[in-house]
């Protein structure tokens, strides 16, 4: 979840990916297929960006939860059976939604990667 939606840009050769939250706002409906919200990136990595709410409105954590539910509805995990799933989530906002990968059972192991700044944690 990132309003800039640039977590996958390097995997996609600099091409931006339409975030799930933008798709739902602009189309006023949920995507019908994974292809509506994903692109294959470098090395065959399936890329999906959650994005964020309209700046100043809504809860980004709620967007994360909605995206996870959508991925379940579209049967992403059953279809692709990934060995590894990477979540790039902001850690600087006190919002319960950012703990969704852990709380909802989408993650077995969590690695925290930060900058060298003391305030990063």
PDB file of N, CA and C in Angstrom:
ATOM      1  N   UNK A   1       0.853  -1.174   0.000  1.00  0.00           N
ATOM      2  CA  UNK A   1       0.000   0.000   0.000  1.00  0.00           C
ATOM      3  C   UNK A   1       0.894   1.231   0.000  1.00  0.00           C
ATOM      4  N   UNK A   2       0.788   2.003  -1.032  1.00  0.00           N
ATOM      5  CA  UNK A   2       1.623   3.180  -1.165  1.00  0.00           C
ATOM      6  C   UNK A   2       0.949   4.104  -2.165  1.00  0.00           C
ATOM      7  N   UNK A   3       0.605   5.315  -1.749  1.00  0.00           N
ATOM      8  CA  UNK A   3      -0.043   6.232  -2.694  1.00  0.00           C
ATOM      9  C   UNK A   3       0.765   6.448  -3.971  1.00  0.00           C
ATOM     10  N   UNK A   4       2.102   6.348  -3.885  1.00  0.00           N
ATOM     11  CA  UNK A   4       2.933   6.514  -5.081  1.00  0.00           C
ATOM     12  C   UNK A   4       2.854   5.284  -5.977  1.00  0.00           C
ATOM     13  N   UNK A   5       2.495   4.149  -5.422  1.00  0.00           N
ATOM     14  CA  UNK A   5       2.365   2.890  -6.172  1.00  0.00           C
ATOM     15  C   UNK A   5       3.592   2.601  -7.020  1.00  0.00           C
ATOM     16  N   UNK A   6       4.766   2.659  -6.382  1.00  0.00           N
ATOM     17  CA  UNK A   6       6.001   2.440  -7.134  1.00  0.00           C
ATOM     18  C   UNK A   6       6.802   1.241  -6.628  1.00  0.00           C
ATOM     19  N   UNK A   7       6.183   0.373  -5.862  1.00  0.00           N
ATOM     20  CA  UNK A   7       6.888  -0.785  -5.314  1.00  0.00           C
ATOM     21  C   UNK A   7       7.335  -1.763  -6.390  1.00  0.00           C
ATOM     22  N   UNK A   8       6.625  -1.825  -7.499  1.00  0.00           N
ATOM     23  CA  UNK A   8       6.925  -2.807  -8.545  1.00  0.00           C
ATOM     24  C   UNK A   8       7.551  -2.191  -9.795  1.00  0.00           C
ATOM     25  N   UNK A   9       7.795  -0.908  -9.779  1.00  0.00           N
ATOM     26  CA  UNK A   9       8.205  -0.214 -11.004  1.00  0.00           C
ATOM     27  C   UNK A   9       9.521  -0.746 -11.583  1.00  0.00           C
ATOM     28  N   UNK A  10      10.464  -1.143 -10.727  1.00  0.00           N
ATOM     29  CA  UNK A  10      11.723  -1.694 -11.240  1.00  0.00           C
ATOM     30  C   UNK A  10      11.512  -3.062 -11.877  1.00  0.00           C
ATOM     31  N   UNK A  11      10.622  -3.855 -11.313  1.00  0.00           N
ATOM     32  CA  UNK A  11      10.318  -5.170 -11.893  1.00  0.00           C
ATOM     33  C   UNK A  11       9.593  -5.038 -13.230  1.00  0.00           C
ATOM     34  N   UNK A  12       8.952  -3.903 -13.438  1.00  0.00           N
ATOM     35  CA  UNK A  12       8.163  -3.681 -14.652  1.00  0.00           C
ATOM     36  C   UNK A  12       8.878  -2.787 -15.661  1.00  0.00           C
ATOM     37  N   UNK A  13      10.188  -2.672 -15.541  1.00  0.00           N
ATOM     38  CA  UNK A  13      10.970  -1.907 -16.514  1.00  0.00           C
ATOM     39  C   UNK A  13      10.616  -0.436 -16.559  1.00  0.00           C
ATOM     40  N   UNK A  14      10.213   0.128 -15.422  1.00  0.00           N
ATOM     41  CA  UNK A  14       9.883   1.549 -15.361  1.00  0.00           C
ATOM     42  C   UNK A  14       8.443   1.872 -15.708  1.00  0.00           C
ATOM     43  N   UNK A  15       7.675   0.877 -16.101  1.00  0.00           N
ATOM     44  CA  UNK A  15       6.263   1.098 -16.450  1.00  0.00           C
ATOM     45  C   UNK A  15       5.401   1.084 -15.191  1.00  0.00           C
ATOM     46  N   UNK A  16       4.596   2.104 -14.978  1.00  0.00           N
ATOM     47  CA  UNK A  16       3.723   2.096 -13.798  1.00  0.00           C
ATOM     48  C   UNK A  16       2.593   1.079 -13.956  1.00  0.00           C
ATOM     49  N   UNK A  17       2.107   0.595 -12.837  1.00  0.00           N
ATOM     50  CA  UNK A  17       1.007  -0.361 -12.800  1.00  0.00           C
ATOM     51  C   UNK A  17      -0.196   0.309 -12.148  1.00  0.00           C
ATOM     52  N   UNK A  18      -1.344   0.174 -12.741  1.00  0.00           N
ATOM     53  CA  UNK A  18      -2.562   0.772 -12.185  1.00  0.00           C
ATOM     54  C   UNK A  18      -2.892   0.081 -10.856  1.00  0.00           C
ATOM     55  N   UNK A  19      -2.899   0.838  -9.763  1.00  0.00           N
ATOM     56  CA  UNK A  19      -3.182   0.243  -8.456  1.00  0.00           C
ATOM     57  C   UNK A  19      -4.629  -0.252  -8.333  1.00  0.00           C
ATOM     58  N   UNK A  20      -4.803  -1.262  -7.506  1.00  0.00           N
ATOM     59  CA  UNK A  20      -6.123  -1.839  -7.263  1.00  0.00           C
ATOM     60  C   UNK A  20      -7.109  -0.773  -6.795  1.00  0.00           C
ATOM     61  N   UNK A  21      -6.683   0.083  -5.867  1.00  0.00           N
ATOM     62  CA  UNK A  21      -7.593   1.110  -5.339  1.00  0.00           C
ATOM     63  C   UNK A  21      -8.013   2.085  -6.442  1.00  0.00           C
ATOM     64  N   UNK A  22      -7.104   2.435  -7.339  1.00  0.00           N
ATOM     65  CA  UNK A  22      -7.459   3.308  -8.468  1.00  0.00           C
ATOM     66  C   UNK A  22      -8.457   2.610  -9.382  1.00  0.00           C
ATOM     67  N   UNK A  23      -8.219   1.334  -9.669  1.00  0.00           N
ATOM     68  CA  UNK A  23      -9.126   0.569 -10.526  1.00  0.00           C
ATOM     69  C   UNK A  23     -10.538   0.617  -9.949  1.00  0.00           C
ATOM     70  N   UNK A  24     -10.656   0.345  -8.653  1.00  0.00           N
ATOM     71  CA  UNK A  24     -11.978   0.290  -8.028  1.00  0.00           C
ATOM     72  C   UNK A  24     -12.657   1.660  -8.002  1.00  0.00           C
ATOM     73  N   UNK A  25     -11.863   2.726  -7.807  1.00  0.00           N
ATOM     74  CA  UNK A  25     -12.440   4.078  -7.824  1.00  0.00           C
ATOM     75  C   UNK A  25     -12.876   4.474  -9.227  1.00  0.00           C
ATOM     76  N   UNK A  26     -12.023   4.221 -10.211  1.00  0.00           N
ATOM     77  CA  UNK A  26     -12.281   4.674 -11.581  1.00  0.00           C
ATOM     78  C   UNK A  26     -13.329   3.834 -12.301  1.00  0.00           C
ATOM     79  N   UNK A  27     -13.356   2.539 -12.032  1.00  0.00           N
ATOM     80  CA  UNK A  27     -14.309   1.657 -12.706  1.00  0.00           C
ATOM     81  C   UNK A  27     -15.600   1.494 -11.910  1.00  0.00           C
ATOM     82  N   UNK A  28     -15.569   1.889 -10.638  1.00  0.00           N
ATOM     83  CA  UNK A  28     -16.715   1.765  -9.732  1.00  0.00           C
ATOM     84  C   UNK A  28     -17.182   0.313  -9.611  1.00  0.00           C
ATOM     85  N   UNK A  29     -16.229  -0.600  -9.721  1.00  0.00           N
ATOM     86  CA  UNK A  29     -16.521  -2.021  -9.533  1.00  0.00           C
ATOM     87  C   UNK A  29     -15.222  -2.757  -9.261  1.00  0.00           C
ATOM     88  N   UNK A  30     -15.348  -3.979  -8.760  1.00  0.00           N
ATOM     89  CA  UNK A  30     -14.164  -4.788  -8.519  1.00  0.00           C
ATOM     90  C   UNK A  30     -13.704  -5.426  -9.825  1.00  0.00           C
ATOM     91  N   UNK A  31     -12.394  -5.645  -9.966  1.00  0.00           N
ATOM     92  CA  UNK A  31     -11.896  -6.317 -11.160  1.00  0.00           C
ATOM     93  C   UNK A  31     -12.452  -7.740 -11.248  1.00  0.00           C
ATOM     94  N   UNK A  32     -12.659  -8.212 -12.468  1.00  0.00           N
ATOM     95  CA  UNK A  32     -13.196  -9.556 -12.658  1.00  0.00           C
ATOM     96  C   UNK A  32     -12.108 -10.610 -12.782  1.00  0.00           C
ATOM     97  N   UNK A  33     -10.913 -10.200 -13.214  1.00  0.00           N
ATOM     98  CA  UNK A  33      -9.815 -11.149 -13.385  1.00  0.00           C
ATOM     99  C   UNK A  33      -8.534 -10.577 -12.792  1.00  0.00           C
ATOM    100  N   UNK A  34      -7.582 -11.450 -12.508  1.00  0.00           N
ATOM    101  CA  UNK A  34      -6.276 -11.003 -12.026  1.00  0.00           C
ATOM    102  C   UNK A  34      -5.573 -10.137 -13.059  1.00  0.00           C
ATOM    103  N   UNK A  35      -5.812 -10.417 -14.331  1.00  0.00           N
ATOM    104  CA  UNK A  35      -5.170  -9.655 -15.402  1.00  0.00           C
ATOM    105  C   UNK A  35      -5.593  -8.187 -15.395  1.00  0.00           C
ATOM    106  N   UNK A  36      -6.761  -7.891 -14.815  1.00  0.00           N
ATOM    107  CA  UNK A  36      -7.225  -6.502 -14.720  1.00  0.00           C
ATOM    108  C   UNK A  36      -6.353  -5.667 -13.786  1.00  0.00           C
ATOM    109  N   UNK A  37      -5.684  -6.317 -12.824  1.00  0.00           N
ATOM    110  CA  UNK A  37      -4.951  -5.581 -11.789  1.00  0.00           C
ATOM    111  C   UNK A  37      -3.487  -5.984 -11.670  1.00  0.00           C
ATOM    112  N   UNK A  38      -2.995  -6.827 -12.564  1.00  0.00           N
ATOM    113  CA  UNK A  38      -1.622  -7.308 -12.429  1.00  0.00           C
ATOM    114  C   UNK A  38      -0.875  -7.266 -13.759  1.00  0.00           C
ATOM    115  N   UNK A  39       0.449  -7.317 -13.648  1.00  0.00           N
ATOM    116  CA  UNK A  39       1.319  -7.450 -14.818  1.00  0.00           C
ATOM    117  C   UNK A  39       2.455  -8.381 -14.423  1.00  0.00           C
ATOM    118  N   UNK A  40       2.971  -9.093 -15.411  1.00  0.00           N
ATOM    119  CA  UNK A  40       4.136  -9.930 -15.151  1.00  0.00           C
ATOM    120  C   UNK A  40       5.384  -9.085 -15.312  1.00  0.00           C
ATOM    121  N   UNK A  41       6.243  -9.135 -14.298  1.00  0.00           N
ATOM    122  CA  UNK A  41       7.471  -8.362 -14.316  1.00  0.00           C
ATOM    123  C   UNK A  41       8.689  -9.233 -14.565  1.00  0.00           C
ATOM    124  N   UNK A  42       9.844  -8.654 -14.344  1.00  0.00           N
ATOM    125  CA  UNK A  42      11.123  -9.328 -14.536  1.00  0.00           C
ATOM    126  C   UNK A  42      11.136 -10.679 -13.823  1.00  0.00           C
ATOM    127  N   UNK A  43      11.653 -11.689 -14.502  1.00  0.00           N
ATOM    128  CA  UNK A  43      11.782 -13.009 -13.902  1.00  0.00           C
ATOM    129  C   UNK A  43      10.467 -13.719 -13.669  1.00  0.00           C
ATOM    130  N   UNK A  44       9.401 -13.246 -14.311  1.00  0.00           N
ATOM    131  CA  UNK A  44       8.100 -13.888 -14.145  1.00  0.00           C
ATOM    132  C   UNK A  44       7.382 -13.527 -12.864  1.00  0.00           C
ATOM    133  N   UNK A  45       7.835 -12.468 -12.187  1.00  0.00           N
ATOM    134  CA  UNK A  45       7.200 -12.042 -10.938  1.00  0.00           C
ATOM    135  C   UNK A  45       5.855 -11.391 -11.247  1.00  0.00           C
ATOM    136  N   UNK A  46       4.799 -11.882 -10.610  1.00  0.00           N
ATOM    137  CA  UNK A  46       3.475 -11.279 -10.767  1.00  0.00           C
ATOM    138  C   UNK A  46       3.410 -10.050  -9.869  1.00  0.00           C
ATOM    139  N   UNK A  47       3.129  -8.892 -10.449  1.00  0.00           N
ATOM    140  CA  UNK A  47       3.132  -7.628  -9.711  1.00  0.00           C
ATOM    141  C   UNK A  47       1.717  -7.085  -9.559  1.00  0.00           C
ATOM    142  N   UNK A  48       1.399  -6.656  -8.337  1.00  0.00           N
ATOM    143  CA  UNK A  48       0.118  -6.021  -8.028  1.00  0.00           C
ATOM    144  C   UNK A  48       0.411  -4.870  -7.078  1.00  0.00           C
ATOM    145  N   UNK A  49      -0.173  -3.720  -7.335  1.00  0.00           N
ATOM    146  CA  UNK A  49      -0.038  -2.550  -6.459  1.00  0.00           C
ATOM    147  C   UNK A  49      -1.385  -2.257  -5.815  1.00  0.00           C
ATOM    148  N   UNK A  50      -1.400  -2.081  -4.509  1.00  0.00           N
ATOM    149  CA  UNK A  50      -2.640  -1.716  -3.827  1.00  0.00           C
ATOM    150  C   UNK A  50      -2.956  -0.246  -4.036  1.00  0.00           C
ATOM    151  N   UNK A  51      -1.936   0.609  -3.930  1.00  0.00           N
ATOM    152  CA  UNK A  51      -2.182   2.045  -4.003  1.00  0.00           C
ATOM    153  C   UNK A  51      -2.713   2.533  -2.666  1.00  0.00           C
ATOM    154  N   UNK A  52      -3.456   3.598  -2.680  1.00  0.00           N
ATOM    155  CA  UNK A  52      -3.989   4.145  -1.442  1.00  0.00           C
ATOM    156  C   UNK A  52      -5.269   4.899  -1.696  1.00  0.00           C
ATOM    157  N   UNK A  53      -5.853   5.402  -0.624  1.00  0.00           N
ATOM    158  CA  UNK A  53      -7.086   6.171  -0.781  1.00  0.00           C
ATOM    159  C   UNK A  53      -6.790   7.528  -1.408  1.00  0.00           C
ATOM    160  N   UNK A  54      -7.827   8.221  -1.796  1.00  0.00           N
ATOM    161  CA  UNK A  54      -7.666   9.592  -2.257  1.00  0.00           C
ATOM    162  C   UNK A  54      -6.982  10.362  -1.131  1.00  0.00           C
ATOM    163  N   UNK A  55      -5.896  11.110  -1.432  1.00  0.00           N
ATOM    164  CA  UNK A  55      -5.182  11.825  -0.376  1.00  0.00           C
ATOM    165  C   UNK A  55      -6.126  12.644   0.510  1.00  0.00           C
ATOM    166  N   UNK A  56      -5.960  12.460   1.812  1.00  0.00           N
ATOM    167  CA  UNK A  56      -6.781  13.180   2.780  1.00  0.00           C
ATOM    168  C   UNK A  56      -8.114  12.524   3.079  1.00  0.00           C
ATOM    169  N   UNK A  57      -8.422  11.447   2.366  1.00  0.00           N
ATOM    170  CA  UNK A  57      -9.695  10.750   2.566  1.00  0.00           C
ATOM    171  C   UNK A  57      -9.450   9.260   2.748  1.00  0.00           C
ATOM    172  N   UNK A  58     -10.185   8.652   3.619  1.00  0.00           N
ATOM    173  CA  UNK A  58     -10.132   7.201   3.741  1.00  0.00           C
ATOM    174  C   UNK A  58      -8.942   6.685   4.514  1.00  0.00           C
ATOM    175  N   UNK A  59      -8.906   5.381   4.653  1.00  0.00           N
ATOM    176  CA  UNK A  59      -7.882   4.693   5.432  1.00  0.00           C
ATOM    177  C   UNK A  59      -7.102   3.756   4.522  1.00  0.00           C
ATOM    178  N   UNK A  60      -5.796   3.947   4.446  1.00  0.00           N
ATOM    179  CA  UNK A  60      -4.966   3.090   3.598  1.00  0.00           C
ATOM    180  C   UNK A  60      -5.012   1.648   4.080  1.00  0.00           C
ATOM    181  N   UNK A  61      -5.083   1.456   5.387  1.00  0.00           N
ATOM    182  CA  UNK A  61      -5.171   0.103   5.929  1.00  0.00           C
ATOM    183  C   UNK A  61      -6.409  -0.622   5.444  1.00  0.00           C
ATOM    184  N   UNK A  62      -7.498   0.084   5.334  1.00  0.00           N
ATOM    185  CA  UNK A  62      -8.731  -0.513   4.812  1.00  0.00           C
ATOM    186  C   UNK A  62      -8.532  -0.944   3.360  1.00  0.00           C
ATOM    187  N   UNK A  63      -7.740  -0.188   2.612  1.00  0.00           N
ATOM    188  CA  UNK A  63      -7.432  -0.556   1.235  1.00  0.00           C
ATOM    189  C   UNK A  63      -6.637  -1.844   1.160  1.00  0.00           C
ATOM    190  N   UNK A  64      -5.716  -2.023   2.102  1.00  0.00           N
ATOM    191  CA  UNK A  64      -4.942  -3.259   2.150  1.00  0.00           C
ATOM    192  C   UNK A  64      -5.865  -4.443   2.400  1.00  0.00           C
ATOM    193  N   UNK A  65      -6.741  -4.298   3.375  1.00  0.00           N
ATOM    194  CA  UNK A  65      -7.670  -5.376   3.703  1.00  0.00           C
ATOM    195  C   UNK A  65      -8.579  -5.679   2.515  1.00  0.00           C
ATOM    196  N   UNK A  66      -9.074  -4.649   1.846  1.00  0.00           N
ATOM    197  CA  UNK A  66      -9.940  -4.847   0.676  1.00  0.00           C
ATOM    198  C   UNK A  66      -9.185  -5.561  -0.442  1.00  0.00           C
ATOM    199  N   UNK A  67      -7.911  -5.220  -0.628  1.00  0.00           N
ATOM    200  CA  UNK A  67      -7.116  -5.866  -1.668  1.00  0.00           C
ATOM    201  C   UNK A  67      -6.892  -7.337  -1.350  1.00  0.00           C
ATOM    202  N   UNK A  68      -6.577  -7.652  -0.096  1.00  0.00           N
ATOM    203  CA  UNK A  68      -6.401  -9.058   0.286  1.00  0.00           C
ATOM    204  C   UNK A  68      -7.676  -9.853   0.034  1.00  0.00           C
ATOM    205  N   UNK A  69      -8.814  -9.278   0.380  1.00  0.00           N
ATOM    206  CA  UNK A  69     -10.083  -9.964   0.148  1.00  0.00           C
ATOM    207  C   UNK A  69     -10.307 -10.179  -1.348  1.00  0.00           C
ATOM    208  N   UNK A  70      -9.979  -9.177  -2.136  1.00  0.00           N
ATOM    209  CA  UNK A  70     -10.122  -9.283  -3.588  1.00  0.00           C
ATOM    210  C   UNK A  70      -9.222 -10.388  -4.146  1.00  0.00           C
ATOM    211  N   UNK A  71      -7.980 -10.463  -3.667  1.00  0.00           N
ATOM    212  CA  UNK A  71      -7.064 -11.505  -4.138  1.00  0.00           C
ATOM    213  C   UNK A  71      -7.577 -12.893  -3.780  1.00  0.00           C
ATOM    214  N   UNK A  72      -8.220 -13.001  -2.622  1.00  0.00           N
ATOM    215  CA  UNK A  72      -8.860 -14.271  -2.256  1.00  0.00           C
ATOM    216  C   UNK A  72     -10.010 -14.577  -3.198  1.00  0.00           C
ATOM    217  N   UNK A  73     -10.857 -13.581  -3.440  1.00  0.00           N
ATOM    218  CA  UNK A  73     -12.011 -13.774  -4.329  1.00  0.00           C
ATOM    219  C   UNK A  73     -11.572 -14.190  -5.731  1.00  0.00           C
ATOM    220  N   UNK A  74     -10.449 -13.640  -6.193  1.00  0.00           N
ATOM    221  CA  UNK A  74      -9.933 -13.968  -7.526  1.00  0.00           C
ATOM    222  C   UNK A  74      -9.070 -15.233  -7.518  1.00  0.00           C
ATOM    223  N   UNK A  75      -8.937 -15.851  -6.350  1.00  0.00           N
ATOM    224  CA  UNK A  75      -8.218 -17.119  -6.174  1.00  0.00           C
ATOM    225  C   UNK A  75      -6.750 -17.029  -6.613  1.00  0.00           C
ATOM    226  N   UNK A  76      -6.120 -15.902  -6.314  1.00  0.00           N
ATOM    227  CA  UNK A  76      -4.729 -15.700  -6.704  1.00  0.00           C
ATOM    228  C   UNK A  76      -3.816 -16.786  -6.151  1.00  0.00           C
ATOM    229  N   UNK A  77      -3.926 -17.065  -4.863  1.00  0.00           N
ATOM    230  CA  UNK A  77      -2.998 -18.007  -4.238  1.00  0.00           C
ATOM    231  C   UNK A  77      -3.214 -19.436  -4.727  1.00  0.00           C
ATOM    232  N   UNK A  78      -4.452 -19.815  -4.990  1.00  0.00           N
ATOM    233  CA  UNK A  78      -4.733 -21.150  -5.522  1.00  0.00           C
ATOM    234  C   UNK A  78      -4.269 -21.270  -6.973  1.00  0.00           C
ATOM    235  N   UNK A  79      -4.398 -20.197  -7.730  1.00  0.00           N
ATOM    236  CA  UNK A  79      -4.025 -20.210  -9.144  1.00  0.00           C
ATOM    237  C   UNK A  79      -2.512 -20.246  -9.334  1.00  0.00           C
ATOM    238  N   UNK A  80      -1.788 -19.378  -8.626  1.00  0.00           N
ATOM    239  CA  UNK A  80      -0.347 -19.249  -8.838  1.00  0.00           C
ATOM    240  C   UNK A  80       0.494 -20.098  -7.894  1.00  0.00           C
ATOM    241  N   UNK A  81      -0.047 -20.458  -6.730  1.00  0.00           N
ATOM    242  CA  UNK A  81       0.683 -21.249  -5.736  1.00  0.00           C
ATOM    243  C   UNK A  81       2.111 -20.708  -5.533  1.00  0.00           C
ATOM    244  N   UNK A  82       2.227 -19.441  -5.140  1.00  0.00           N
ATOM    245  CA  UNK A  82       3.563 -18.844  -5.024  1.00  0.00           C
ATOM    246  C   UNK A  82       4.385 -19.452  -3.887  1.00  0.00           C
ATOM    247  N   UNK A  83       5.696 -19.554  -4.110  1.00  0.00           N
ATOM    248  CA  UNK A  83       6.612 -20.002  -3.066  1.00  0.00           C
ATOM    249  C   UNK A  83       6.918 -18.860  -2.105  1.00  0.00           C
ATOM    250  N   UNK A  84       6.984 -17.644  -2.647  1.00  0.00           N
ATOM    251  CA  UNK A  84       7.310 -16.462  -1.857  1.00  0.00           C
ATOM    252  C   UNK A  84       6.377 -15.336  -2.274  1.00  0.00           C
ATOM    253  N   UNK A  85       5.886 -14.595  -1.280  1.00  0.00           N
ATOM    254  CA  UNK A  85       5.064 -13.415  -1.541  1.00  0.00           C
ATOM    255  C   UNK A  85       5.708 -12.254  -0.799  1.00  0.00           C
ATOM    256  N   UNK A  86       5.971 -11.161  -1.502  1.00  0.00           N
ATOM    257  CA  UNK A  86       6.564  -9.976  -0.892  1.00  0.00           C
ATOM    258  C   UNK A  86       5.502  -8.903  -0.737  1.00  0.00           C
ATOM    259  N   UNK A  87       5.401  -8.340   0.464  1.00  0.00           N
ATOM    260  CA  UNK A  87       4.496  -7.229   0.726  1.00  0.00           C
ATOM    261  C   UNK A  87       5.347  -6.022   1.078  1.00  0.00           C
ATOM    262  N   UNK A  88       5.166  -4.937   0.367  1.00  0.00           N
ATOM    263  CA  UNK A  88       5.871  -3.694   0.662  1.00  0.00           C
ATOM    264  C   UNK A  88       4.841  -2.760   1.275  1.00  0.00           C
ATOM    265  N   UNK A  89       4.855  -2.659   2.606  1.00  0.00           N
ATOM    266  CA  UNK A  89       3.856  -1.829   3.278  1.00  0.00           C
ATOM    267  C   UNK A  89       4.540  -0.718   4.056  1.00  0.00           C
ATOM    268  N   UNK A  90       3.874   0.408   4.119  1.00  0.00           N
ATOM    269  CA  UNK A  90       4.383   1.533   4.896  1.00  0.00           C
ATOM    270  C   UNK A  90       4.341   1.179   6.372  1.00  0.00           C
ATOM    271  N   UNK A  91       5.344   1.599   7.102  1.00  0.00           N
ATOM    272  CA  UNK A  91       5.362   1.325   8.524  1.00  0.00           C
ATOM    273  C   UNK A  91       5.246   2.571   9.367  1.00  0.00           C
ATOM    274  N   UNK A  92       5.048   3.719   8.730  1.00  0.00           N
ATOM    275  CA  UNK A  92       5.065   4.975   9.475  1.00  0.00           C
ATOM    276  C   UNK A  92       3.680   5.495   9.829  1.00  0.00           C
ATOM    277  N   UNK A  93       2.680   4.670   9.671  1.00  0.00           N
ATOM    278  CA  UNK A  93       1.317   5.092   9.983  1.00  0.00           C
ATOM    279  C   UNK A  93       0.755   4.123  11.007  1.00  0.00           C
ATOM    280  N   UNK A  94       0.147   4.647  12.054  1.00  0.00           N
ATOM    281  CA  UNK A  94      -0.421   3.768  13.083  1.00  0.00           C
ATOM    282  C   UNK A  94      -1.826   3.353  12.670  1.00  0.00           C
ATOM    283  N   UNK A  95      -1.890   2.358  11.834  1.00  0.00           N
ATOM    284  CA  UNK A  95      -3.158   1.894  11.295  1.00  0.00           C
ATOM    285  C   UNK A  95      -3.157   0.378  11.331  1.00  0.00           C
ATOM    286  N   UNK A  96      -4.175  -0.210  11.877  1.00  0.00           N
ATOM    287  CA  UNK A  96      -4.251  -1.658  11.990  1.00  0.00           C
ATOM    288  C   UNK A  96      -4.183  -2.385  10.671  1.00  0.00           C
ATOM    289  N   UNK A  97      -4.543  -1.737   9.584  1.00  0.00           N
ATOM    290  CA  UNK A  97      -4.531  -2.392   8.282  1.00  0.00           C
ATOM    291  C   UNK A  97      -3.157  -2.818   7.834  1.00  0.00           C
ATOM    292  N   UNK A  98      -2.120  -2.132   8.302  1.00  0.00           N
ATOM    293  CA  UNK A  98      -0.773  -2.476   7.880  1.00  0.00           C
ATOM    294  C   UNK A  98      -0.304  -3.792   8.482  1.00  0.00           C
ATOM    295  N   UNK A  99      -0.972  -4.265   9.518  1.00  0.00           N
ATOM    296  CA  UNK A  99      -0.649  -5.561  10.111  1.00  0.00           C
ATOM    297  C   UNK A  99      -1.450  -6.686   9.460  1.00  0.00           C
ATOM    298  N   UNK A 100      -2.257  -6.365   8.463  1.00  0.00           N
ATOM    299  CA  UNK A 100      -3.141  -7.355   7.834  1.00  0.00           C
ATOM    300  C   UNK A 100      -2.417  -8.590   7.319  1.00  0.00           C
ATOM    301  N   UNK A 101      -1.254  -8.474   6.670  1.00  0.00           N
ATOM    302  CA  UNK A 101      -0.612  -9.702   6.194  1.00  0.00           C
ATOM    303  C   UNK A 101      -0.355 -10.704   7.317  1.00  0.00           C
ATOM    304  N   UNK A 102      -0.021 -10.214   8.495  1.00  0.00           N
ATOM    305  CA  UNK A 102       0.243 -11.097   9.629  1.00  0.00           C
ATOM    306  C   UNK A 102      -1.063 -11.526  10.281  1.00  0.00           C
ATOM    307  N   UNK A 103      -1.881 -10.559  10.614  1.00  0.00           N
ATOM    308  CA  UNK A 103      -3.114 -10.818  11.360  1.00  0.00           C
ATOM    309  C   UNK A 103      -4.062 -11.744  10.612  1.00  0.00           C
ATOM    310  N   UNK A 104      -4.151 -11.587   9.313  1.00  0.00           N
ATOM    311  CA  UNK A 104      -5.099 -12.370   8.525  1.00  0.00           C
ATOM    312  C   UNK A 104      -4.509 -13.687   8.019  1.00  0.00           C
ATOM    313  N   UNK A 105      -3.283 -14.012   8.432  1.00  0.00           N
ATOM    314  CA  UNK A 105      -2.686 -15.287   8.058  1.00  0.00           C
ATOM    315  C   UNK A 105      -2.078 -15.330   6.668  1.00  0.00           C
ATOM    316  N   UNK A 106      -1.786 -14.175   6.085  1.00  0.00           N
ATOM    317  CA  UNK A 106      -1.176 -14.139   4.756  1.00  0.00           C
ATOM    318  C   UNK A 106       0.343 -14.240   4.821  1.00  0.00           C
ATOM    319  N   UNK A 107       0.905 -14.198   6.008  1.00  0.00           N
ATOM    320  CA  UNK A 107       2.360 -14.256   6.149  1.00  0.00           C
ATOM    321  C   UNK A 107       2.729 -15.227   7.262  1.00  0.00           C
ATOM    322  N   UNK A 108       3.704 -16.088   6.985  1.00  0.00           N
ATOM    323  CA  UNK A 108       4.216 -17.006   7.996  1.00  0.00           C
ATOM    324  C   UNK A 108       5.456 -16.430   8.663  1.00  0.00           C
ATOM    325  N   UNK A 109       6.207 -15.642   7.911  1.00  0.00           N
ATOM    326  CA  UNK A 109       7.441 -15.057   8.411  1.00  0.00           C
ATOM    327  C   UNK A 109       7.487 -13.609   7.960  1.00  0.00           C
ATOM    328  N   UNK A 110       7.969 -12.730   8.827  1.00  0.00           N
ATOM    329  CA  UNK A 110       8.046 -11.313   8.506  1.00  0.00           C
ATOM    330  C   UNK A 110       9.485 -10.841   8.680  1.00  0.00           C
ATOM    331  N   UNK A 111      10.009 -10.171   7.673  1.00  0.00           N
ATOM    332  CA  UNK A 111      11.323  -9.550   7.738  1.00  0.00           C
ATOM    333  C   UNK A 111      11.119  -8.052   7.608  1.00  0.00           C
ATOM    334  N   UNK A 112      11.693  -7.302   8.522  1.00  0.00           N
ATOM    335  CA  UNK A 112      11.552  -5.849   8.491  1.00  0.00           C
ATOM    336  C   UNK A 112      12.821  -5.254   7.892  1.00  0.00           C
ATOM    337  N   UNK A 113      12.653  -4.487   6.832  1.00  0.00           N
ATOM    338  CA  UNK A 113      13.777  -3.838   6.158  1.00  0.00           C
ATOM    339  C   UNK A 113      13.572  -2.335   6.286  1.00  0.00           C
ATOM    340  N   UNK A 114      14.573  -1.641   6.794  1.00  0.00           N
ATOM    341  CA  UNK A 114      14.450  -0.196   6.980  1.00  0.00           C
ATOM    342  C   UNK A 114      15.695   0.500   6.442  1.00  0.00           C
ATOM    343  N   UNK A 115      15.637   1.811   6.466  1.00  0.00           N
ATOM    344  CA  UNK A 115      16.827   2.601   6.147  1.00  0.00           C
ATOM    345  C   UNK A 115      17.717   2.619   7.388  1.00  0.00           C
ATOM    346  N   UNK A 116      18.827   3.295   7.306  1.00  0.00           N
ATOM    347  CA  UNK A 116      19.730   3.394   8.437  1.00  0.00           C
ATOM    348  C   UNK A 116      19.322   4.441   9.458  1.00  0.00           C
ATOM    349  N   UNK A 117      18.208   5.108   9.222  1.00  0.00           N
ATOM    350  CA  UNK A 117      17.746   6.160  10.123  1.00  0.00           C
ATOM    351  C   UNK A 117      17.184   5.573  11.413  1.00  0.00           C
ATOM    352  N   UNK A 118      17.515   6.154  12.541  1.00  0.00           N
ATOM    353  CA  UNK A 118      16.994   5.678  13.826  1.00  0.00           C
ATOM    354  C   UNK A 118      15.474   5.778  13.880  1.00  0.00           C
ATOM    355  N   UNK A 119      14.904   6.783  13.245  1.00  0.00           N
ATOM    356  CA  UNK A 119      13.449   6.976  13.289  1.00  0.00           C
ATOM    357  C   UNK A 119      12.700   5.950  12.434  1.00  0.00           C
ATOM    358  N   UNK A 120      13.420   5.171  11.628  1.00  0.00           N
ATOM    359  CA  UNK A 120      12.758   4.209  10.747  1.00  0.00           C
ATOM    360  C   UNK A 120      11.988   3.155  11.530  1.00  0.00           C
ATOM    361  N   UNK A 121      12.446   2.831  12.716  1.00  0.00           N
ATOM    362  CA  UNK A 121      11.727   1.862  13.542  1.00  0.00           C
ATOM    363  C   UNK A 121      10.888   2.565  14.570  1.00  0.00           C
TER     364      UNK A 121
END
